[in-house]
């Protein structure tokens, strides 16, 4: 399946907003903006390598889970 690079950018912006607060969100959003500047296979390979680096650098952030708060969890006690 092929996907338009602009649509990939839009999905990333939807999840990170256009003003991300976390370092991982800022980094991902900036990488997404560079997608439409790729002009050849060498640039595509370099972008993919940097994307892999993102997963390595932000692995802990990406696998983090939110602790549930009984006050905000459905069925929780007040």
N, C-alpha and C. Protein backbone atom coordinates (compact mmCIF):
# COMPACT_ATOMS: atom_id res chain seq x y z
N UNK A 1 0.84 -1.17 0.00
CA UNK A 1 0.00 0.00 0.00
C UNK A 1 0.89 1.23 0.00
N UNK A 2 0.49 2.21 -0.73
CA UNK A 2 1.24 3.45 -0.81
C UNK A 2 0.48 4.53 -0.06
N UNK A 3 1.21 5.42 0.57
CA UNK A 3 0.55 6.48 1.32
C UNK A 3 1.20 7.81 0.97
N UNK A 4 0.40 8.81 0.77
CA UNK A 4 0.87 10.14 0.44
C UNK A 4 1.63 10.72 1.64
N UNK A 5 2.78 11.33 1.36
CA UNK A 5 3.60 11.87 2.44
C UNK A 5 2.89 12.99 3.20
N UNK A 6 2.07 13.75 2.51
CA UNK A 6 1.32 14.82 3.17
C UNK A 6 0.33 14.24 4.17
N UNK A 7 -0.28 13.10 3.84
CA UNK A 7 -1.21 12.49 4.77
C UNK A 7 -0.48 11.94 5.99
N UNK A 8 0.73 11.44 5.79
CA UNK A 8 1.53 10.99 6.94
C UNK A 8 1.82 12.18 7.84
N UNK A 9 2.18 13.32 7.25
CA UNK A 9 2.43 14.53 8.04
C UNK A 9 1.20 14.92 8.83
N UNK A 10 0.05 14.85 8.22
CA UNK A 10 -1.20 15.25 8.89
C UNK A 10 -1.51 14.34 10.08
N UNK A 11 -1.28 13.05 9.90
CA UNK A 11 -1.54 12.11 11.00
C UNK A 11 -0.59 12.40 12.16
N UNK A 12 0.67 12.65 11.85
CA UNK A 12 1.63 12.97 12.91
C UNK A 12 1.25 14.27 13.60
N UNK A 13 0.84 15.27 12.85
CA UNK A 13 0.43 16.55 13.44
C UNK A 13 -0.80 16.36 14.33
N UNK A 14 -1.72 15.50 13.90
CA UNK A 14 -2.92 15.24 14.70
C UNK A 14 -2.54 14.64 16.06
N UNK A 15 -1.54 13.76 16.07
CA UNK A 15 -1.16 13.10 17.31
C UNK A 15 -0.18 13.93 18.16
N UNK A 16 0.62 14.79 17.53
CA UNK A 16 1.59 15.56 18.30
C UNK A 16 1.17 17.01 18.47
N UNK A 17 0.23 17.48 17.72
CA UNK A 17 -0.19 18.87 17.56
C UNK A 17 0.92 19.62 16.80
N UNK A 18 0.64 20.84 16.39
CA UNK A 18 1.67 21.60 15.68
C UNK A 18 2.61 22.31 16.66
N UNK A 19 2.33 22.17 17.94
CA UNK A 19 3.22 22.72 18.99
C UNK A 19 3.43 21.68 20.08
N UNK A 20 4.14 20.60 19.75
CA UNK A 20 4.34 19.55 20.74
C UNK A 20 5.14 20.06 21.94
N UNK A 21 4.89 19.48 23.10
CA UNK A 21 5.55 19.92 24.33
C UNK A 21 6.72 19.04 24.72
N UNK A 22 6.65 17.75 24.42
CA UNK A 22 7.72 16.84 24.83
C UNK A 22 8.85 16.86 23.81
N UNK A 23 10.07 16.56 24.24
CA UNK A 23 11.18 16.49 23.28
C UNK A 23 10.91 15.46 22.19
N UNK A 24 10.31 14.32 22.53
CA UNK A 24 10.01 13.30 21.54
C UNK A 24 8.99 13.82 20.52
N UNK A 25 7.96 14.50 20.99
CA UNK A 25 6.95 15.05 20.09
C UNK A 25 7.52 16.11 19.17
N UNK A 26 8.37 16.97 19.71
CA UNK A 26 9.01 18.01 18.89
C UNK A 26 9.88 17.38 17.82
N UNK A 27 10.65 16.39 18.21
CA UNK A 27 11.55 15.72 17.28
C UNK A 27 10.76 15.02 16.17
N UNK A 28 9.72 14.31 16.55
CA UNK A 28 8.91 13.59 15.57
C UNK A 28 8.22 14.55 14.61
N UNK A 29 7.69 15.64 15.12
CA UNK A 29 7.00 16.61 14.28
C UNK A 29 7.97 17.24 13.28
N UNK A 30 9.18 17.58 13.72
CA UNK A 30 10.17 18.15 12.81
C UNK A 30 10.58 17.15 11.74
N UNK A 31 10.70 15.89 12.10
CA UNK A 31 11.02 14.85 11.12
C UNK A 31 9.90 14.72 10.09
N UNK A 32 8.67 14.80 10.54
CA UNK A 32 7.52 14.68 9.64
C UNK A 32 7.52 15.83 8.62
N UNK A 33 7.88 17.02 9.07
CA UNK A 33 7.90 18.16 8.16
C UNK A 33 8.92 17.97 7.04
N UNK A 34 9.96 17.20 7.30
CA UNK A 34 11.01 16.97 6.31
C UNK A 34 10.63 15.91 5.27
N UNK A 35 9.54 15.20 5.49
CA UNK A 35 9.14 14.13 4.58
C UNK A 35 8.95 14.62 3.14
N UNK A 36 8.29 15.75 2.97
CA UNK A 36 7.98 16.22 1.62
C UNK A 36 9.19 16.85 0.93
N UNK A 37 10.31 16.94 1.63
CA UNK A 37 11.53 17.47 1.01
C UNK A 37 12.42 16.36 0.45
N UNK A 38 12.00 15.12 0.60
CA UNK A 38 12.77 13.99 0.07
C UNK A 38 12.62 13.97 -1.45
N UNK A 39 13.75 13.93 -2.15
CA UNK A 39 13.72 13.99 -3.61
C UNK A 39 14.29 12.75 -4.30
N UNK A 40 15.07 11.93 -3.59
CA UNK A 40 15.64 10.74 -4.23
C UNK A 40 15.79 9.61 -3.21
N UNK A 41 16.25 8.47 -3.69
CA UNK A 41 16.35 7.30 -2.82
C UNK A 41 17.39 7.47 -1.72
N UNK A 42 18.46 8.20 -1.99
CA UNK A 42 19.47 8.43 -0.96
C UNK A 42 18.90 9.24 0.21
N UNK A 43 18.12 10.27 -0.12
CA UNK A 43 17.48 11.07 0.93
C UNK A 43 16.45 10.24 1.69
N UNK A 44 15.74 9.37 0.98
CA UNK A 44 14.75 8.51 1.63
C UNK A 44 15.44 7.54 2.59
N UNK A 45 16.56 6.98 2.17
CA UNK A 45 17.31 6.06 3.04
C UNK A 45 17.84 6.79 4.27
N UNK A 46 18.33 8.01 4.08
CA UNK A 46 18.83 8.80 5.21
C UNK A 46 17.70 9.12 6.19
N UNK A 47 16.52 9.45 5.66
CA UNK A 47 15.37 9.76 6.53
C UNK A 47 14.98 8.51 7.31
N UNK A 48 14.97 7.36 6.66
CA UNK A 48 14.60 6.11 7.33
C UNK A 48 15.61 5.77 8.43
N UNK A 49 16.88 6.03 8.18
CA UNK A 49 17.91 5.78 9.19
C UNK A 49 17.69 6.68 10.39
N UNK A 50 17.38 7.95 10.15
CA UNK A 50 17.11 8.87 11.27
C UNK A 50 15.85 8.46 12.03
N UNK A 51 14.85 7.95 11.31
CA UNK A 51 13.62 7.48 11.97
C UNK A 51 13.93 6.30 12.88
N UNK A 52 14.80 5.43 12.44
CA UNK A 52 15.20 4.31 13.29
C UNK A 52 15.93 4.84 14.53
N UNK A 53 16.76 5.86 14.35
CA UNK A 53 17.45 6.48 15.48
C UNK A 53 16.48 7.08 16.47
N UNK A 54 15.39 7.65 15.97
CA UNK A 54 14.36 8.22 16.84
C UNK A 54 13.82 7.13 17.76
N UNK A 55 13.51 5.97 17.20
CA UNK A 55 12.98 4.87 18.00
C UNK A 55 13.96 4.39 19.05
N UNK A 56 15.24 4.46 18.73
CA UNK A 56 16.27 4.05 19.68
C UNK A 56 16.42 5.08 20.80
N UNK A 57 16.51 6.34 20.44
CA UNK A 57 16.71 7.42 21.43
C UNK A 57 15.50 7.55 22.35
N UNK A 58 14.30 7.47 21.81
CA UNK A 58 13.09 7.70 22.59
C UNK A 58 12.36 6.41 22.96
N UNK A 59 13.06 5.29 22.98
CA UNK A 59 12.44 4.00 23.28
C UNK A 59 11.69 4.03 24.61
N UNK A 60 12.32 4.55 25.66
CA UNK A 60 11.67 4.59 26.97
C UNK A 60 10.40 5.43 26.93
N UNK A 61 10.46 6.56 26.25
CA UNK A 61 9.29 7.44 26.14
C UNK A 61 8.17 6.74 25.36
N UNK A 62 8.53 6.03 24.31
CA UNK A 62 7.53 5.38 23.47
C UNK A 62 6.86 4.19 24.16
N UNK A 63 7.55 3.55 25.08
CA UNK A 63 6.99 2.39 25.76
C UNK A 63 6.40 2.73 27.12
N UNK A 64 6.42 4.01 27.47
CA UNK A 64 5.89 4.46 28.75
C UNK A 64 4.38 4.27 28.80
N UNK A 65 3.88 3.94 29.96
CA UNK A 65 2.44 3.80 30.14
C UNK A 65 1.99 4.78 31.22
N UNK A 66 0.80 5.30 31.06
CA UNK A 66 0.25 6.22 32.03
C UNK A 66 -0.26 5.45 33.24
N UNK A 67 0.11 5.90 34.41
CA UNK A 67 -0.41 5.28 35.63
C UNK A 67 -1.87 5.67 35.78
N UNK A 68 -2.70 4.72 36.15
CA UNK A 68 -4.12 5.04 36.28
C UNK A 68 -4.37 5.74 37.61
N UNK A 69 -5.23 6.71 37.57
CA UNK A 69 -5.61 7.49 38.74
C UNK A 69 -7.04 7.09 39.09
N UNK A 70 -7.27 6.55 40.27
CA UNK A 70 -8.62 6.11 40.64
C UNK A 70 -9.66 7.21 40.52
N UNK A 71 -9.24 8.47 40.64
CA UNK A 71 -10.21 9.57 40.54
C UNK A 71 -10.67 9.79 39.11
N UNK A 72 -9.86 9.40 38.12
CA UNK A 72 -10.22 9.63 36.74
C UNK A 72 -10.51 8.37 35.95
N UNK A 73 -10.25 7.20 36.55
CA UNK A 73 -10.51 5.93 35.89
C UNK A 73 -11.97 5.57 36.09
N UNK A 74 -12.66 5.18 35.00
CA UNK A 74 -14.06 4.76 35.15
C UNK A 74 -14.16 3.62 36.16
N UNK A 75 -15.09 3.71 37.06
CA UNK A 75 -15.25 2.69 38.08
C UNK A 75 -14.36 2.91 39.29
N UNK A 76 -13.54 3.95 39.24
CA UNK A 76 -12.65 4.25 40.36
C UNK A 76 -13.40 4.89 41.52
N UNK A 77 -12.81 4.86 42.66
CA UNK A 77 -13.46 5.45 43.84
C UNK A 77 -13.00 6.88 44.03
N UNK A 78 -13.85 7.71 44.55
CA UNK A 78 -13.51 9.11 44.84
C UNK A 78 -12.99 9.27 46.23
